[in-house]
C-alpha atoms as a PDB file:
ATOM      1  CA  MET A   1       0.228  -0.151  -0.204  1.00  0.00           C
ATOM      2  CA  ASN A   2       1.374   3.771  -1.236  1.00  0.00           C
ATOM      3  CA  TRP A   3       1.197   6.281   1.171  1.00  0.00           C
ATOM      4  CA  LEU A   4      -0.788   8.067  -1.249  1.00  0.00           C
ATOM      5  CA  SER A   5      -3.449   6.255  -1.140  1.00  0.00           C
ATOM      6  CA  LEU A   6      -3.767   5.766   2.661  1.00  0.00           C
ATOM      7  CA  ARG A   7      -3.383  10.019   2.721  1.00  0.00           C
ATOM      8  CA  SER A   8      -6.897   9.781   0.241  1.00  0.00           C
ATOM      9  CA  VAL A   9      -8.393   7.347   2.517  1.00  0.00           C
ATOM     10  CA  THR A  10      -7.368   9.330   5.549  1.00  0.00           C
ATOM     11  CA  ASP A  11      -8.653  12.660   4.760  1.00  0.00           C
ATOM     12  CA  LEU A  12     -11.822  11.334   3.395  1.00  0.00           C
ATOM     13  CA  PHE A  13     -12.074   9.587   6.896  1.00  0.00           C
ATOM     14  CA  HIS A  14     -12.008  13.624   8.104  1.00  0.00           C
ATOM     15  CA  ARG A  15     -13.593  15.070   6.122  1.00  0.00           C
ATOM     16  CA  ASP A  16     -16.622  12.816   6.868  1.00  0.00           C
ATOM     17  CA  VAL A  17     -16.042  13.333  10.699  1.00  0.00           C
ATOM     18  CA  SER A  18     -15.553  17.313  10.503  1.00  0.00           C
ATOM     19  CA  CYS A  19     -18.886  17.714   8.790  1.00  0.00           C
ATOM     20  CA  PRO A  20     -21.521  15.751  10.514  1.00  0.00           C
ATOM     21  CA  GLN A  21     -25.361  15.775   8.883  1.00  0.00           C
ATOM     22  CA  ALA A  22     -27.348  16.404  11.781  1.00  0.00           C
ATOM     23  CA  PRO A  23     -29.173  13.051  11.603  1.00  0.00           C
ATOM     24  CA  GLU A  24     -33.163  12.131  10.807  1.00  0.00           C
ATOM     25  CA  PRO A  25     -35.801  11.909  13.218  1.00  0.00           C
ATOM     26  CA  PRO A  26     -36.724   8.190  13.889  1.00  0.00           C
ATOM     27  CA  ARG A  27     -40.050   7.413  12.117  1.00  0.00           C
ATOM     28  CA  GLY A  28     -42.735   6.905  13.384  1.00  0.00           C
ATOM     29  CA  PRO A  29     -46.510   5.501  12.858  1.00  0.00           C
ATOM     30  CA  ARG A  30     -47.742   8.470  10.598  1.00  0.00           C
ATOM     31  CA  ILE A  31     -50.756   9.045  12.801  1.00  0.00           C
ATOM     32  CA  ALA A  32     -52.192  12.133  10.958  1.00  0.00           C
ATOM     33  CA  ALA A  33     -52.389   9.773   7.619  1.00  0.00           C
ATOM     34  CA  ALA A  34     -54.303   7.221   9.231  1.00  0.00           C
ATOM     35  CA  LEU A  35     -56.518   9.690  10.617  1.00  0.00           C
ATOM     36  CA  LEU A  36     -57.268  11.325   7.277  1.00  0.00           C
ATOM     37  CA  ALA A  37     -57.766   7.521   5.365  1.00  0.00           C
ATOM     38  CA  LEU A  38     -60.311   6.260   8.324  1.00  0.00           C
ATOM     39  CA  ALA A  39     -61.438   9.521   8.148  1.00  0.00           C
ATOM     40  CA  LEU A  40     -62.862   9.115   4.150  1.00  0.00           C
ATOM     41  CA  THR A  41     -63.456   6.112   4.265  1.00  0.00           C
ATOM     42  CA  ALA A  42     -65.924   6.314   7.512  1.00  0.00           C
ATOM     43  CA  ALA A  43     -67.060   8.829   4.338  1.00  0.00           C
ATOM     44  CA  ALA A  44     -67.425   6.429   2.246  1.00  0.00           C
ATOM     45  CA  VAL A  45     -68.730   3.907   4.039  1.00  0.00           C
ATOM     46  CA  LEU A  46     -71.489   6.202   4.603  1.00  0.00           C
ATOM     47  CA  CYS A  47     -72.633   7.677   1.451  1.00  0.00           C
ATOM     48  CA  LEU A  48     -72.495   4.803  -0.677  1.00  0.00           C
ATOM     49  CA  SER A  49     -74.978   2.954   2.485  1.00  0.00           C
ATOM     50  CA  GLY A  50     -77.536   5.450   1.292  1.00  0.00           C
ATOM     51  CA  CYS A  51     -77.575   3.290  -2.217  1.00  0.00           C
ATOM     52  CA  ALA A  52     -78.649  -0.069  -0.718  1.00  0.00           C
ATOM     53  CA  THR A  53     -81.484   0.965   1.045  1.00  0.00           C
ATOM     54  CA  PRO A  54     -83.870  -2.874   1.392  1.00  0.00           C
ATOM     55  CA  PRO A  55     -87.036  -2.242  -0.450  1.00  0.00           C
ATOM     56  CA  VAL A  56     -89.726  -0.898   1.934  1.00  0.00           C
ATOM     57  CA  ARG A  57     -93.142  -3.141   2.769  1.00  0.00           C
ATOM     58  CA  PRO A  58     -96.271  -2.575   3.931  1.00  0.00           C
ATOM     59  CA  VAL A  59     -96.839  -3.212   7.763  1.00  0.00           C
ATOM     60  CA  CYS A  60    -100.463  -4.557   8.227  1.00  0.00           C
ATOM     61  CA  LEU A  61    -102.939  -5.580  11.223  1.00  0.00           C
ATOM     62  CA  PRO A  62    -103.332  -8.595  11.014  1.00  0.00           C
ATOM     63  CA  LEU A  63    -107.931  -9.308   9.712  1.00  0.00           C
ATOM     64  CA  LYS A  64    -109.215 -11.520  12.298  1.00  0.00           C
ATOM     65  CA  THR A  65    -112.523 -14.060  10.249  1.00  0.00           C
ATOM     66  CA  TYR A  66    -116.103 -13.356  11.301  1.00  0.00           C
ATOM     67  CA  SER A  67    -117.833 -15.661  10.759  1.00  0.00           C
ATOM     68  CA  ALA A  68    -121.085 -16.188   8.274  1.00  0.00           C
ATOM     69  CA  ALA A  69    -123.803 -15.888  11.589  1.00  0.00           C
ATOM     70  CA  ASP A  70    -121.361 -12.910  12.965  1.00  0.00           C
ATOM     71  CA  GLN A  71    -122.077 -11.041   9.639  1.00  0.00           C
ATOM     72  CA  THR A  72    -125.632 -11.203   9.690  1.00  0.00           C
ATOM     73  CA  ALA A  73    -127.027 -10.986  13.069  1.00  0.00           C
ATOM     74  CA  LEU A  74    -124.901  -7.621  12.739  1.00  0.00           C
ATOM     75  CA  ARG A  75    -126.714  -6.731  10.099  1.00  0.00           C
ATOM     76  CA  THR A  76    -129.208  -7.475  11.705  1.00  0.00           C
ATOM     77  CA  GLU A  77    -128.750  -5.344  14.770  1.00  0.00           C
ATOM     78  CA  LEU A  78    -128.323  -2.356  12.377  1.00  0.00           C
ATOM     79  CA  ASP A  79    -130.889  -2.382  10.711  1.00  0.00           C
ATOM     80  CA  ALA A  80    -133.038  -2.942  14.180  1.00  0.00           C
ATOM     81  CA  HIS A  81    -131.158   0.500  15.344  1.00  0.00           C
ATOM     82  CA  THR A  82    -131.434   2.674  12.470  1.00  0.00           C
ATOM     83  CA  ASP A  83    -132.270   5.455  15.614  1.00  0.00           C
ATOM     84  CA  THR A  84    -128.086   5.343  16.418  1.00  0.00           C
ATOM     85  CA  PRO A  85    -126.498   6.857  13.642  1.00  0.00           C
ATOM     86  CA  VAL A  86    -123.133   7.226  15.423  1.00  0.00           C
ATOM     87  CA  THR A  87    -122.744   3.426  15.785  1.00  0.00           C
ATOM     88  CA  HIS A  88    -123.708   3.217  11.812  1.00  0.00           C
ATOM     89  CA  ARG A  89    -120.374   5.983  10.915  1.00  0.00           C
ATOM     90  CA  VAL A  90    -118.073   4.226  13.390  1.00  0.00           C
ATOM     91  CA  VAL A  91    -118.707   0.557  11.934  1.00  0.00           C
ATOM     92  CA  GLY A  92    -118.875   2.127   8.093  1.00  0.00           C
ATOM     93  CA  ASP A  93    -115.435   3.209   8.708  1.00  0.00           C
ATOM     94  CA  TYR A  94    -114.649  -0.241  10.044  1.00  0.00           C
ATOM     95  CA  MET A  95    -115.398  -1.648   7.198  1.00  0.00           C
ATOM     96  CA  GLY A  96    -113.691   0.208   5.074  1.00  0.00           C
ATOM     97  CA  MET A  97    -110.323  -0.051   7.102  1.00  0.00           C
ATOM     98  CA  ARG A  98    -110.814  -3.491   6.777  1.00  0.00           C
ATOM     99  CA  ASP A  99    -111.019  -3.058   3.111  1.00  0.00           C
ATOM    100  CA  ALA A 100    -107.575  -1.106   2.941  1.00  0.00           C
ATOM    101  CA  ASP A 101    -106.472  -3.562   5.220  1.00  0.00           C
ATOM    102  CA  ARG A 102    -107.047  -6.936   2.659  1.00  0.00           C
ATOM    103  CA  VAL A 103    -106.174  -4.389   0.104  1.00  0.00           C
ATOM    104  CA  CYS A 104    -102.478  -4.039   2.418  1.00  0.00           C
ATOM    105  CA  LEU A 105    -102.324  -7.786   3.129  1.00  0.00           C
ATOM    106  CA  LYS A 106    -101.793  -8.532  -0.042  1.00  0.00           C
ATOM    107  CA  ALA A 107     -99.140  -6.105  -1.139  1.00  0.00           C
ATOM    108  CA  ALA A 108     -97.395  -7.168   1.227  1.00  0.00           C
ATOM    109  CA  GLN A 109     -97.956 -11.068  -0.758  1.00  0.00           C
ATOM    110  CA  SER A 110     -96.462 -10.640  -3.276  1.00  0.00           C
END
């Protein structure tokens, strides 16, 4: 080994030691980037969840079935008491609600 090459290596070593560079700070987890990614993911999920709405099914009341004898007895009582208009109106409203409920039940089955 000659003196010139050893001196060059020594000069390089001294140059590197005499001008040290500032050490880089240790890199930890990037919390801000992780929170931003989490927030964007949550926003995307919330936006897309509106696209998958389930079909709306009507809520229908179950119908109580009345026998033919009960219906005949009701008709006889209503015909016998024509002096009770409120009772006639309430029974008519009830019959209308039952008809609407039948339509609802047929729509829910299909």
